Amino acid sequence: MEEPEYADLTCTACGRTAEHELRHVGRLLATTTCTACGHVVEVVPRSMLTGYLHDLEHRVTSKPVRMARRARRDPLRFVRELPGALLRQPGKLLDELGTLIRGR
């Protein structure tokens, strides 16, 4: 799972507008946690599967265009960072799938 983001939302449990921790799987919202009362709203992992697979397909098919854009913008940085990026992707994918299967 990626690093959390934060947003001010109204909590359904305590009714306060407070900062909530947002966690994503890929580009899909997986959980929100109210920092005031700790209430967690989770998207059921099985219900995310179809959306996740659609998102994954989009990410895979758009990857060549995004890589070409990065290579044009900064060729040296692209070549320097490519090996590490290639090594990180399988782990990132496994983390996302594990989150979907386990939930959280």
C-alpha atoms as a PDB file:
ATOM      1  CA  MET A   1       0.000   0.000   0.000  1.00  0.00           C
ATOM      2  CA  GLU A   2       1.209   3.495  -0.777  1.00  0.00           C
ATOM      3  CA  GLU A   3       1.938   6.231   1.742  1.00  0.00           C
ATOM      4  CA  PRO A   4      -1.259   7.766   3.118  1.00  0.00           C
ATOM      5  CA  GLU A   5      -2.676  11.088   2.037  1.00  0.00           C
ATOM      6  CA  TYR A   6      -4.722  13.346   4.292  1.00  0.00           C
ATOM      7  CA  ALA A   7      -7.899  15.336   3.735  1.00  0.00           C
ATOM      8  CA  ASP A   8     -10.415  17.189   5.885  1.00  0.00           C
ATOM      9  CA  LEU A   9     -13.671  15.226   5.784  1.00  0.00           C
ATOM     10  CA  THR A  10     -16.783  14.959   7.928  1.00  0.00           C
ATOM     11  CA  CYS A  11     -16.689  11.732   9.908  1.00  0.00           C
ATOM     12  CA  THR A  12     -19.796   9.549   9.683  1.00  0.00           C
ATOM     13  CA  ALA A  13     -19.183   8.243  13.220  1.00  0.00           C
ATOM     14  CA  CYS A  14     -18.375  11.339  15.291  1.00  0.00           C
ATOM     15  CA  GLY A  15     -19.856  13.995  12.974  1.00  0.00           C
ATOM     16  CA  ARG A  16     -16.779  16.221  13.227  1.00  0.00           C
ATOM     17  CA  THR A  17     -14.946  17.712  10.283  1.00  0.00           C
ATOM     18  CA  ALA A  18     -11.453  16.398  10.892  1.00  0.00           C
ATOM     19  CA  GLU A  19      -8.355  15.244   9.091  1.00  0.00           C
ATOM     20  CA  HIS A  20      -8.764  11.736   7.686  1.00  0.00           C
ATOM     21  CA  GLU A  21      -5.993   9.391   6.605  1.00  0.00           C
ATOM     22  CA  LEU A  22      -6.663   8.106   3.076  1.00  0.00           C
ATOM     23  CA  ARG A  23      -5.030   4.877   1.900  1.00  0.00           C
ATOM     24  CA  HIS A  24      -5.085   3.683  -1.683  1.00  0.00           C
ATOM     25  CA  VAL A  25      -4.517   0.420  -3.516  1.00  0.00           C
ATOM     26  CA  GLY A  26      -3.171   1.472  -6.890  1.00  0.00           C
ATOM     27  CA  ARG A  27      -5.339   4.473  -7.693  1.00  0.00           C
ATOM     28  CA  LEU A  28      -8.393   3.229  -5.783  1.00  0.00           C
ATOM     29  CA  LEU A  29      -9.342   4.434  -2.306  1.00  0.00           C
ATOM     30  CA  ALA A  30      -9.149   1.496   0.127  1.00  0.00           C
ATOM     31  CA  THR A  31      -9.677   3.055   3.593  1.00  0.00           C
ATOM     32  CA  THR A  32     -10.332   6.322   5.355  1.00  0.00           C
ATOM     33  CA  THR A  33      -9.517   6.770   9.037  1.00  0.00           C
ATOM     34  CA  CYS A  34     -10.775   9.677  11.132  1.00  0.00           C
ATOM     35  CA  THR A  35      -7.864  11.095  13.117  1.00  0.00           C
ATOM     36  CA  ALA A  36     -10.283  12.514  15.709  1.00  0.00           C
ATOM     37  CA  CYS A  37     -12.115   9.331  16.719  1.00  0.00           C
ATOM     38  CA  GLY A  38     -10.271   6.544  14.864  1.00  0.00           C
ATOM     39  CA  HIS A  39     -13.350   5.393  12.906  1.00  0.00           C
ATOM     40  CA  VAL A  40     -12.286   3.410   9.825  1.00  0.00           C
ATOM     41  CA  VAL A  41     -14.292   3.109   6.637  1.00  0.00           C
ATOM     42  CA  GLU A  42     -13.040   0.267   4.445  1.00  0.00           C
ATOM     43  CA  VAL A  43     -13.964  -0.625   0.924  1.00  0.00           C
ATOM     44  CA  VAL A  44     -14.595  -4.376   0.895  1.00  0.00           C
ATOM     45  CA  PRO A  45     -11.570  -5.870  -0.911  1.00  0.00           C
ATOM     46  CA  ARG A  46     -13.639  -8.182  -3.111  1.00  0.00           C
ATOM     47  CA  SER A  47     -15.726  -5.264  -4.342  1.00  0.00           C
ATOM     48  CA  MET A  48     -12.511  -3.465  -5.310  1.00  0.00           C
ATOM     49  CA  LEU A  49     -11.212  -6.304  -7.463  1.00  0.00           C
ATOM     50  CA  THR A  50     -13.065  -5.392 -10.666  1.00  0.00           C
ATOM     51  CA  GLY A  51     -12.154  -1.720 -10.323  1.00  0.00           C
ATOM     52  CA  TYR A  52      -8.557  -2.591  -9.467  1.00  0.00           C
ATOM     53  CA  LEU A  53      -8.180  -4.851 -12.511  1.00  0.00           C
ATOM     54  CA  HIS A  54      -9.620  -2.142 -14.760  1.00  0.00           C
ATOM     55  CA  ASP A  55      -7.239   0.412 -13.229  1.00  0.00           C
ATOM     56  CA  LEU A  56      -4.288  -1.988 -13.593  1.00  0.00           C
ATOM     57  CA  GLU A  57      -5.130  -2.565 -17.253  1.00  0.00           C
ATOM     58  CA  HIS A  58      -5.188   1.204 -17.822  1.00  0.00           C
ATOM     59  CA  ARG A  59      -1.873   1.662 -16.012  1.00  0.00           C
ATOM     60  CA  VAL A  60      -0.204  -1.097 -18.046  1.00  0.00           C
ATOM     61  CA  THR A  61      -1.503   0.103 -21.419  1.00  0.00           C
ATOM     62  CA  SER A  62      -0.614   3.747 -20.724  1.00  0.00           C
ATOM     63  CA  LYS A  63       2.870   2.940 -19.350  1.00  0.00           C
ATOM     64  CA  PRO A  64       4.756   3.113 -22.689  1.00  0.00           C
ATOM     65  CA  VAL A  65       3.412   6.610 -23.379  1.00  0.00           C
ATOM     66  CA  ARG A  66       4.266   7.787 -19.853  1.00  0.00           C
ATOM     67  CA  MET A  67       7.769   6.298 -20.102  1.00  0.00           C
ATOM     68  CA  ALA A  68       8.378   7.942 -23.486  1.00  0.00           C
ATOM     69  CA  ARG A  69       7.248  11.296 -22.083  1.00  0.00           C
ATOM     70  CA  ARG A  70       9.669  10.970 -19.150  1.00  0.00           C
ATOM     71  CA  ALA A  71      12.508   9.934 -21.478  1.00  0.00           C
ATOM     72  CA  ARG A  72      11.930  12.987 -23.694  1.00  0.00           C
ATOM     73  CA  ARG A  73      11.676  15.351 -20.723  1.00  0.00           C
ATOM     74  CA  ASP A  74      14.902  14.233 -19.009  1.00  0.00           C
ATOM     75  CA  PRO A  75      16.798  11.459 -20.867  1.00  0.00           C
ATOM     76  CA  LEU A  76      19.687  11.137 -18.409  1.00  0.00           C
ATOM     77  CA  ARG A  77      17.439  10.898 -15.375  1.00  0.00           C
ATOM     78  CA  PHE A  78      15.232   8.400 -17.190  1.00  0.00           C
ATOM     79  CA  VAL A  79      18.185   6.103 -17.978  1.00  0.00           C
ATOM     80  CA  ARG A  80      19.613   6.477 -14.455  1.00  0.00           C
ATOM     81  CA  GLU A  81      16.310   5.677 -12.689  1.00  0.00           C
ATOM     82  CA  LEU A  82      14.960   2.987 -15.031  1.00  0.00           C
ATOM     83  CA  PRO A  83      16.732  -0.038 -13.452  1.00  0.00           C
ATOM     84  CA  GLY A  84      15.450   0.793  -9.965  1.00  0.00           C
ATOM     85  CA  ALA A  85      11.946   1.445 -11.268  1.00  0.00           C
ATOM     86  CA  LEU A  86      11.911  -1.905 -13.059  1.00  0.00           C
ATOM     87  CA  LEU A  87      13.038  -3.696  -9.902  1.00  0.00           C
ATOM     88  CA  ARG A  88      10.400  -1.970  -7.726  1.00  0.00           C
ATOM     89  CA  GLN A  89       7.367  -2.732  -9.904  1.00  0.00           C
ATOM     90  CA  PRO A  90       6.878  -6.445  -9.072  1.00  0.00           C
ATOM     91  CA  GLY A  91       6.994  -5.699  -5.337  1.00  0.00           C
ATOM     92  CA  LYS A  92       4.592  -2.797  -5.715  1.00  0.00           C
ATOM     93  CA  LEU A  93       2.156  -4.998  -7.644  1.00  0.00           C
ATOM     94  CA  LEU A  94       2.426  -7.800  -5.072  1.00  0.00           C
ATOM     95  CA  ASP A  95       1.767  -5.314  -2.241  1.00  0.00           C
ATOM     96  CA  GLU A  96      -1.350  -4.040  -4.013  1.00  0.00           C
ATOM     97  CA  LEU A  97      -2.660  -7.540  -4.668  1.00  0.00           C
ATOM     98  CA  GLY A  98      -1.883  -8.617  -1.103  1.00  0.00           C
ATOM     99  CA  THR A  99      -3.839  -5.654   0.219  1.00  0.00           C
ATOM    100  CA  LEU A 100      -6.805  -6.629  -1.940  1.00  0.00           C
ATOM    101  CA  ILE A 101      -6.669 -10.242  -0.808  1.00  0.00           C
ATOM    102  CA  ARG A 102      -6.027  -9.600   2.907  1.00  0.00           C
ATOM    103  CA  GLY A 103      -7.877  -6.334   3.187  1.00  0.00           C
ATOM    104  CA  ARG A 104      -5.866  -3.468   4.680  1.00  0.00           C
END
